[in-house]
Amino acid sequence: MSHFTLLDLPTFSDSRGGLTVLDNALPFPIKRTYWIYKADGQTRGGHRHHKTRQALVAITGSVTIYMNNGLAEDNILLDSPHKCLLVEPRDWHTMTFGPGSVLLVLSSHPYDRADYIDEAYERATHD
């Protein structure tokens, strides 16, 4: 069981293709939207926030998200456009991109460099 929230977005499929819906699925209003692509094999992120919440969706391909909230850590694989990972302000996260991946990021606040915290938590120690 993960300590992080992974939403299963409503998805409809038929012979014409798939349709995934984000209507009213997020616990915050969207103020900023962007996507990351052409990052094959790269690790990005490496920060947390003071106030910004985010939702991450791998539109195509796969992205492994390392999450650490200071108490728990996990690697979460986003490999379907119906999976949506919520990233809370306290969540240190990095994103490692598989080949051809596109990651959609929906954010609760506009970009503000002062909102970023670049200090990672200590890694959790396991017995």
N, C-alpha and C. Protein backbone atom coordinates (compact mmCIF):
# COMPACT_ATOMS: atom_id res chain seq x y z
N MET A 1 0.84 -1.18 0.00
CA MET A 1 0.00 0.00 0.00
C MET A 1 0.88 1.24 0.00
N SER A 2 0.57 2.17 -0.85
CA SER A 2 1.34 3.40 -0.96
C SER A 2 0.79 4.46 -0.01
N HIS A 3 1.66 5.36 0.43
CA HIS A 3 1.25 6.49 1.26
C HIS A 3 0.88 7.69 0.40
N PHE A 4 0.86 7.50 -0.92
CA PHE A 4 0.60 8.57 -1.86
C PHE A 4 -0.67 8.27 -2.64
N THR A 5 -1.34 9.32 -3.13
CA THR A 5 -2.65 9.15 -3.76
C THR A 5 -2.51 8.99 -5.27
N LEU A 6 -2.98 7.85 -5.75
CA LEU A 6 -3.01 7.55 -7.18
C LEU A 6 -4.48 7.42 -7.58
N LEU A 7 -4.95 8.34 -8.41
CA LEU A 7 -6.33 8.32 -8.87
C LEU A 7 -6.45 7.47 -10.12
N ASP A 8 -7.57 6.78 -10.24
CA ASP A 8 -7.91 6.04 -11.46
C ASP A 8 -8.98 6.86 -12.16
N LEU A 9 -8.58 7.61 -13.18
CA LEU A 9 -9.50 8.52 -13.87
C LEU A 9 -10.51 7.75 -14.70
N PRO A 10 -11.74 8.24 -14.77
CA PRO A 10 -12.76 7.58 -15.59
C PRO A 10 -12.31 7.50 -17.05
N THR A 11 -12.40 6.29 -17.61
CA THR A 11 -11.94 6.05 -18.98
C THR A 11 -13.00 5.25 -19.73
N PHE A 12 -13.22 5.65 -20.96
CA PHE A 12 -14.20 4.99 -21.81
C PHE A 12 -13.50 4.57 -23.09
N SER A 13 -13.70 3.32 -23.49
CA SER A 13 -13.05 2.80 -24.69
C SER A 13 -14.05 2.07 -25.56
N ASP A 14 -13.87 2.21 -26.87
CA ASP A 14 -14.61 1.41 -27.84
C ASP A 14 -13.74 1.29 -29.09
N SER A 15 -14.30 0.84 -30.17
CA SER A 15 -13.52 0.60 -31.38
C SER A 15 -12.90 1.87 -31.96
N ARG A 16 -13.37 3.04 -31.53
CA ARG A 16 -12.84 4.31 -32.02
C ARG A 16 -11.66 4.81 -31.19
N GLY A 17 -11.40 4.17 -30.04
CA GLY A 17 -10.29 4.59 -29.19
C GLY A 17 -10.71 4.80 -27.75
N GLY A 18 -9.83 5.44 -26.99
CA GLY A 18 -10.09 5.66 -25.58
C GLY A 18 -10.27 7.14 -25.28
N LEU A 19 -11.03 7.41 -24.22
CA LEU A 19 -11.28 8.77 -23.76
C LEU A 19 -11.19 8.76 -22.25
N THR A 20 -10.26 9.55 -21.70
CA THR A 20 -10.11 9.65 -20.25
C THR A 20 -10.53 11.06 -19.84
N VAL A 21 -11.31 11.12 -18.74
CA VAL A 21 -11.94 12.36 -18.31
C VAL A 21 -11.34 12.83 -16.99
N LEU A 22 -11.04 14.14 -16.91
CA LEU A 22 -10.48 14.73 -15.70
C LEU A 22 -11.50 15.60 -14.95
N ASP A 23 -12.72 15.70 -15.48
CA ASP A 23 -13.74 16.56 -14.87
C ASP A 23 -13.91 16.29 -13.38
N ASN A 24 -13.75 17.32 -12.57
CA ASN A 24 -13.98 17.27 -11.12
C ASN A 24 -13.19 16.18 -10.41
N ALA A 25 -12.09 15.73 -10.99
CA ALA A 25 -11.31 14.64 -10.37
C ALA A 25 -10.26 15.15 -9.41
N LEU A 26 -9.83 16.39 -9.54
CA LEU A 26 -8.73 16.90 -8.72
C LEU A 26 -9.24 17.68 -7.52
N PRO A 27 -8.52 17.61 -6.40
CA PRO A 27 -8.94 18.31 -5.19
C PRO A 27 -8.45 19.77 -5.14
N PHE A 28 -8.14 20.33 -6.30
CA PHE A 28 -7.71 21.72 -6.37
C PHE A 28 -8.06 22.29 -7.75
N PRO A 29 -8.23 23.61 -7.83
CA PRO A 29 -8.44 24.23 -9.14
C PRO A 29 -7.11 24.31 -9.89
N ILE A 30 -7.16 24.09 -11.20
CA ILE A 30 -5.96 24.10 -12.02
C ILE A 30 -5.62 25.54 -12.42
N LYS A 31 -4.40 25.97 -12.06
CA LYS A 31 -3.92 27.31 -12.39
C LYS A 31 -2.81 27.29 -13.45
N ARG A 32 -2.18 26.15 -13.61
CA ARG A 32 -1.07 26.02 -14.57
C ARG A 32 -1.08 24.60 -15.14
N THR A 33 -0.85 24.49 -16.44
CA THR A 33 -0.78 23.20 -17.11
C THR A 33 0.44 23.20 -18.02
N TYR A 34 1.23 22.12 -17.95
CA TYR A 34 2.35 21.96 -18.88
C TYR A 34 2.63 20.49 -19.07
N TRP A 35 3.43 20.16 -20.07
CA TRP A 35 3.81 18.78 -20.32
C TRP A 35 5.29 18.73 -20.62
N ILE A 36 5.87 17.59 -20.25
CA ILE A 36 7.31 17.36 -20.42
C ILE A 36 7.46 16.20 -21.41
N TYR A 37 8.34 16.37 -22.39
CA TYR A 37 8.53 15.35 -23.42
C TYR A 37 9.96 15.43 -23.93
N LYS A 38 10.36 14.47 -24.76
CA LYS A 38 11.73 14.35 -25.28
C LYS A 38 12.74 14.28 -24.13
N ALA A 39 12.36 13.63 -23.05
CA ALA A 39 13.22 13.49 -21.88
C ALA A 39 13.62 12.03 -21.67
N ASP A 40 13.64 11.23 -22.75
CA ASP A 40 13.93 9.79 -22.67
C ASP A 40 15.15 9.50 -21.80
N GLY A 41 14.94 8.69 -20.76
CA GLY A 41 16.02 8.27 -19.87
C GLY A 41 16.46 9.32 -18.87
N GLN A 42 15.89 10.49 -18.92
CA GLN A 42 16.28 11.59 -18.02
C GLN A 42 15.49 11.55 -16.72
N THR A 43 16.10 12.07 -15.67
CA THR A 43 15.42 12.28 -14.40
C THR A 43 15.29 13.78 -14.18
N ARG A 44 14.08 14.21 -13.94
CA ARG A 44 13.78 15.62 -13.73
C ARG A 44 13.10 15.80 -12.39
N GLY A 45 12.80 17.02 -12.03
CA GLY A 45 12.17 17.32 -10.75
C GLY A 45 13.26 17.53 -9.71
N GLY A 46 13.15 16.83 -8.60
CA GLY A 46 14.12 16.99 -7.53
C GLY A 46 13.82 18.21 -6.68
N HIS A 47 12.56 18.30 -6.24
CA HIS A 47 12.15 19.41 -5.39
C HIS A 47 10.81 19.08 -4.74
N ARG A 48 10.41 19.96 -3.84
CA ARG A 48 9.07 19.95 -3.27
C ARG A 48 8.62 21.40 -3.24
N HIS A 49 7.45 21.67 -2.70
CA HIS A 49 6.90 23.03 -2.75
C HIS A 49 6.43 23.49 -1.37
N HIS A 50 6.29 24.79 -1.24
CA HIS A 50 5.69 25.37 -0.03
C HIS A 50 4.17 25.24 -0.09
N LYS A 51 3.57 25.53 -1.27
CA LYS A 51 2.11 25.53 -1.36
C LYS A 51 1.53 24.82 -2.58
N THR A 52 2.28 24.65 -3.63
CA THR A 52 1.74 24.10 -4.88
C THR A 52 1.43 22.61 -4.78
N ARG A 53 0.24 22.25 -5.25
CA ARG A 53 -0.16 20.85 -5.41
C ARG A 53 -0.13 20.55 -6.89
N GLN A 54 0.17 19.29 -7.24
CA GLN A 54 0.23 18.91 -8.64
C GLN A 54 -0.46 17.58 -8.88
N ALA A 55 -0.87 17.38 -10.11
CA ALA A 55 -1.39 16.09 -10.57
C ALA A 55 -0.58 15.71 -11.80
N LEU A 56 -0.06 14.47 -11.81
CA LEU A 56 0.80 14.00 -12.90
C LEU A 56 0.12 12.86 -13.65
N VAL A 57 0.13 12.94 -14.97
CA VAL A 57 -0.45 11.91 -15.83
C VAL A 57 0.52 11.62 -16.96
N ALA A 58 0.92 10.36 -17.12
CA ALA A 58 1.73 9.97 -18.28
C ALA A 58 0.77 9.78 -19.44
N ILE A 59 0.73 10.76 -20.32
CA ILE A 59 -0.18 10.72 -21.46
C ILE A 59 0.20 9.58 -22.41
N THR A 60 1.50 9.39 -22.58
CA THR A 60 2.00 8.29 -23.39
C THR A 60 3.31 7.80 -22.79
N GLY A 61 3.62 6.53 -22.98
CA GLY A 61 4.84 5.96 -22.42
C GLY A 61 4.72 5.72 -20.92
N SER A 62 5.88 5.75 -20.26
CA SER A 62 5.88 5.51 -18.81
C SER A 62 6.87 6.44 -18.13
N VAL A 63 6.50 6.84 -16.93
CA VAL A 63 7.33 7.70 -16.10
C VAL A 63 7.30 7.13 -14.69
N THR A 64 8.48 6.92 -14.11
CA THR A 64 8.57 6.46 -12.73
C THR A 64 8.78 7.67 -11.84
N ILE A 65 7.89 7.83 -10.86
CA ILE A 65 7.95 8.96 -9.95
C ILE A 65 8.45 8.46 -8.60
N TYR A 66 9.59 9.00 -8.16
CA TYR A 66 10.07 8.73 -6.80
C TYR A 66 9.44 9.79 -5.91
N MET A 67 8.77 9.32 -4.85
CA MET A 67 8.08 10.21 -3.91
C MET A 67 8.64 9.98 -2.50
N ASN A 68 8.83 11.09 -1.77
CA ASN A 68 9.27 11.02 -0.37
C ASN A 68 8.64 12.21 0.35
N ASN A 69 7.80 11.92 1.35
CA ASN A 69 7.14 13.00 2.09
C ASN A 69 7.77 13.23 3.46
N GLY A 70 8.94 12.68 3.68
CA GLY A 70 9.62 12.83 4.96
C GLY A 70 9.33 11.69 5.92
N LEU A 71 8.23 10.97 5.68
CA LEU A 71 7.85 9.84 6.52
C LEU A 71 7.87 8.53 5.74
N ALA A 72 7.52 8.61 4.48
CA ALA A 72 7.44 7.42 3.62
C ALA A 72 7.99 7.76 2.25
N GLU A 73 8.45 6.74 1.55
CA GLU A 73 8.93 6.91 0.19
C GLU A 73 8.41 5.77 -0.66
N ASP A 74 8.30 6.02 -1.96
CA ASP A 74 7.79 5.01 -2.87
C ASP A 74 8.18 5.39 -4.30
N ASN A 75 8.27 4.39 -5.15
CA ASN A 75 8.42 4.60 -6.59
C ASN A 75 7.09 4.22 -7.22
N ILE A 76 6.50 5.15 -7.93
CA ILE A 76 5.19 4.93 -8.53
C ILE A 76 5.33 4.99 -10.04
N LEU A 77 4.87 3.94 -10.70
CA LEU A 77 4.95 3.86 -12.15
C LEU A 77 3.66 4.41 -12.76
N LEU A 78 3.80 5.45 -13.55
CA LEU A 78 2.68 5.95 -14.34
C LEU A 78 2.88 5.42 -15.75
N ASP A 79 2.02 4.52 -16.17
CA ASP A 79 2.18 3.88 -17.47
C ASP A 79 0.87 3.76 -18.25
N SER A 80 -0.11 4.56 -17.86
CA SER A 80 -1.40 4.57 -18.53
C SER A 80 -2.02 5.96 -18.35
N PRO A 81 -2.67 6.50 -19.37
CA PRO A 81 -3.24 7.84 -19.24
C PRO A 81 -4.42 7.94 -18.28
N HIS A 82 -4.87 6.83 -17.71
CA HIS A 82 -5.94 6.92 -16.72
C HIS A 82 -5.41 6.95 -15.28
N LYS A 83 -4.09 6.83 -15.10
CA LYS A 83 -3.49 6.93 -13.77
C LYS A 83 -3.05 8.37 -13.53
N CYS A 84 -3.42 8.90 -12.38
CA CYS A 84 -3.11 10.28 -12.04
C CYS A 84 -2.55 10.32 -10.62
N LEU A 85 -1.30 10.74 -10.48
CA LEU A 85 -0.65 10.81 -9.18
C LEU A 85 -0.78 12.22 -8.62
N LEU A 86 -1.28 12.33 -7.39
CA LEU A 86 -1.34 13.63 -6.72
C LEU A 86 -0.04 13.86 -5.97
N VAL A 87 0.56 15.02 -6.18
CA VAL A 87 1.80 15.40 -5.51
C VAL A 87 1.47 16.58 -4.60
N GLU A 88 1.56 16.34 -3.30
CA GLU A 88 1.26 17.38 -2.32
C GLU A 88 2.50 18.25 -2.11
N PRO A 89 2.34 19.45 -1.55
CA PRO A 89 3.48 20.35 -1.38
C PRO A 89 4.66 19.71 -0.65
N ARG A 90 4.40 18.88 0.33
CA ARG A 90 5.47 18.28 1.14
C ARG A 90 6.22 17.17 0.40
N ASP A 91 5.72 16.73 -0.75
CA ASP A 91 6.25 15.56 -1.44
C ASP A 91 7.46 15.90 -2.31
N TRP A 92 8.65 15.47 -1.85
CA TRP A 92 9.84 15.52 -2.70
C TRP A 92 9.60 14.54 -3.82
N HIS A 93 9.87 14.93 -5.06
CA HIS A 93 9.62 14.03 -6.18
C HIS A 93 10.64 14.22 -7.29
N THR A 94 10.97 13.08 -7.91
CA THR A 94 11.74 13.08 -9.14
C THR A 94 10.97 12.24 -10.14
N MET A 95 11.19 12.51 -11.42
CA MET A 95 10.45 11.86 -12.48
C MET A 95 11.47 11.30 -13.48
N THR A 96 11.46 9.97 -13.68
CA THR A 96 12.38 9.33 -14.61
C THR A 96 11.58 8.84 -15.81
N PHE A 97 11.97 9.30 -17.00
CA PHE A 97 11.18 9.13 -18.21
C PHE A 97 11.61 7.91 -19.03
N GLY A 98 10.62 7.10 -19.41
CA GLY A 98 10.85 6.02 -20.35
C GLY A 98 10.85 6.57 -21.77
N PRO A 99 11.20 5.73 -22.75
CA PRO A 99 11.26 6.17 -24.15
C PRO A 99 9.91 6.70 -24.66
N GLY A 100 9.95 7.85 -25.30
CA GLY A 100 8.76 8.41 -25.92
C GLY A 100 7.68 8.90 -24.98
N SER A 101 8.00 9.09 -23.72
CA SER A 101 7.00 9.47 -22.72
C SER A 101 6.64 10.94 -22.79
N VAL A 102 5.38 11.22 -22.48
CA VAL A 102 4.89 12.59 -22.33
C VAL A 102 4.18 12.65 -20.98
N LEU A 103 4.64 13.56 -20.11
CA LEU A 103 4.04 13.70 -18.78
C LEU A 103 3.28 15.02 -18.72
N LEU A 104 1.99 14.94 -18.44
CA LEU A 104 1.13 16.10 -18.25
C LEU A 104 1.16 16.48 -16.77
N VAL A 105 1.37 17.77 -16.48
CA VAL A 105 1.40 18.27 -15.11
C VAL A 105 0.34 19.34 -14.97
N LEU A 106 -0.55 19.16 -13.99
CA LEU A 106 -1.60 20.12 -13.68
C LEU A 106 -1.28 20.67 -12.29
N SER A 107 -1.23 21.99 -12.17
CA SER A 107 -0.72 22.60 -10.96
C SER A 107 -1.75 23.54 -10.33
N SER A 108 -1.75 23.62 -9.01
CA SER A 108 -2.69 24.46 -8.27
C SER A 108 -2.30 25.93 -8.24
N HIS A 109 -1.05 26.24 -8.61
CA HIS A 109 -0.56 27.62 -8.57
C HIS A 109 0.28 27.91 -9.81
N PRO A 110 0.34 29.17 -10.22
CA PRO A 110 1.25 29.54 -11.31
C PRO A 110 2.70 29.33 -10.87
N TYR A 111 3.60 29.32 -11.83
CA TYR A 111 5.02 29.15 -11.52
C TYR A 111 5.50 30.30 -10.63
N ASP A 112 6.23 29.92 -9.58
CA ASP A 112 6.86 30.88 -8.67
C ASP A 112 8.10 30.20 -8.10
N ARG A 113 9.27 30.61 -8.53
CA ARG A 113 10.52 29.98 -8.08
C ARG A 113 10.64 29.98 -6.57
N ALA A 114 10.08 30.99 -5.90
CA ALA A 114 10.15 31.07 -4.43
C ALA A 114 9.34 29.96 -3.75
N ASP A 115 8.46 29.29 -4.49
CA ASP A 115 7.65 28.20 -3.93
C ASP A 115 8.41 26.87 -3.90
N TYR A 116 9.55 26.80 -4.55
CA TYR A 116 10.32 25.56 -4.64
C TYR A 116 11.21 25.38 -3.42
N ILE A 117 11.29 24.14 -2.94
CA ILE A 117 12.22 23.74 -1.88
C ILE A 117 13.16 22.71 -2.51
N ASP A 118 14.45 23.05 -2.57
CA ASP A 118 15.41 22.19 -3.26
C ASP A 118 16.11 21.19 -2.34
N GLU A 119 15.77 21.20 -1.06
CA GLU A 119 16.38 20.28 -0.10
C GLU A 119 15.55 19.00 -0.01
N ALA A 120 16.21 17.88 -0.26
CA ALA A 120 15.53 16.59 -0.17
C ALA A 120 15.44 16.15 1.29
N TYR A 121 14.50 15.27 1.57
CA TYR A 121 14.45 14.61 2.87
C TYR A 121 15.54 13.55 2.90
N GLU A 122 15.89 13.13 4.09
CA GLU A 122 16.74 11.96 4.23
C GLU A 122 15.96 10.76 3.69
N ARG A 123 16.64 9.84 3.06
CA ARG A 123 15.96 8.63 2.61
C ARG A 123 15.52 7.83 3.82
N ALA A 124 14.35 7.24 3.74
CA ALA A 124 13.86 6.40 4.84
C ALA A 124 14.79 5.20 5.00
N THR A 125 15.05 4.84 6.25
CA THR A 125 15.87 3.66 6.50
C THR A 125 14.97 2.49 6.81
N HIS A 126 15.26 1.38 6.21
CA HIS A 126 14.45 0.16 6.39
C HIS A 126 15.27 -0.85 7.17
N ASP A 127 14.61 -1.52 8.12
CA ASP A 127 15.29 -2.57 8.90
C ASP A 127 15.47 -3.83 8.09
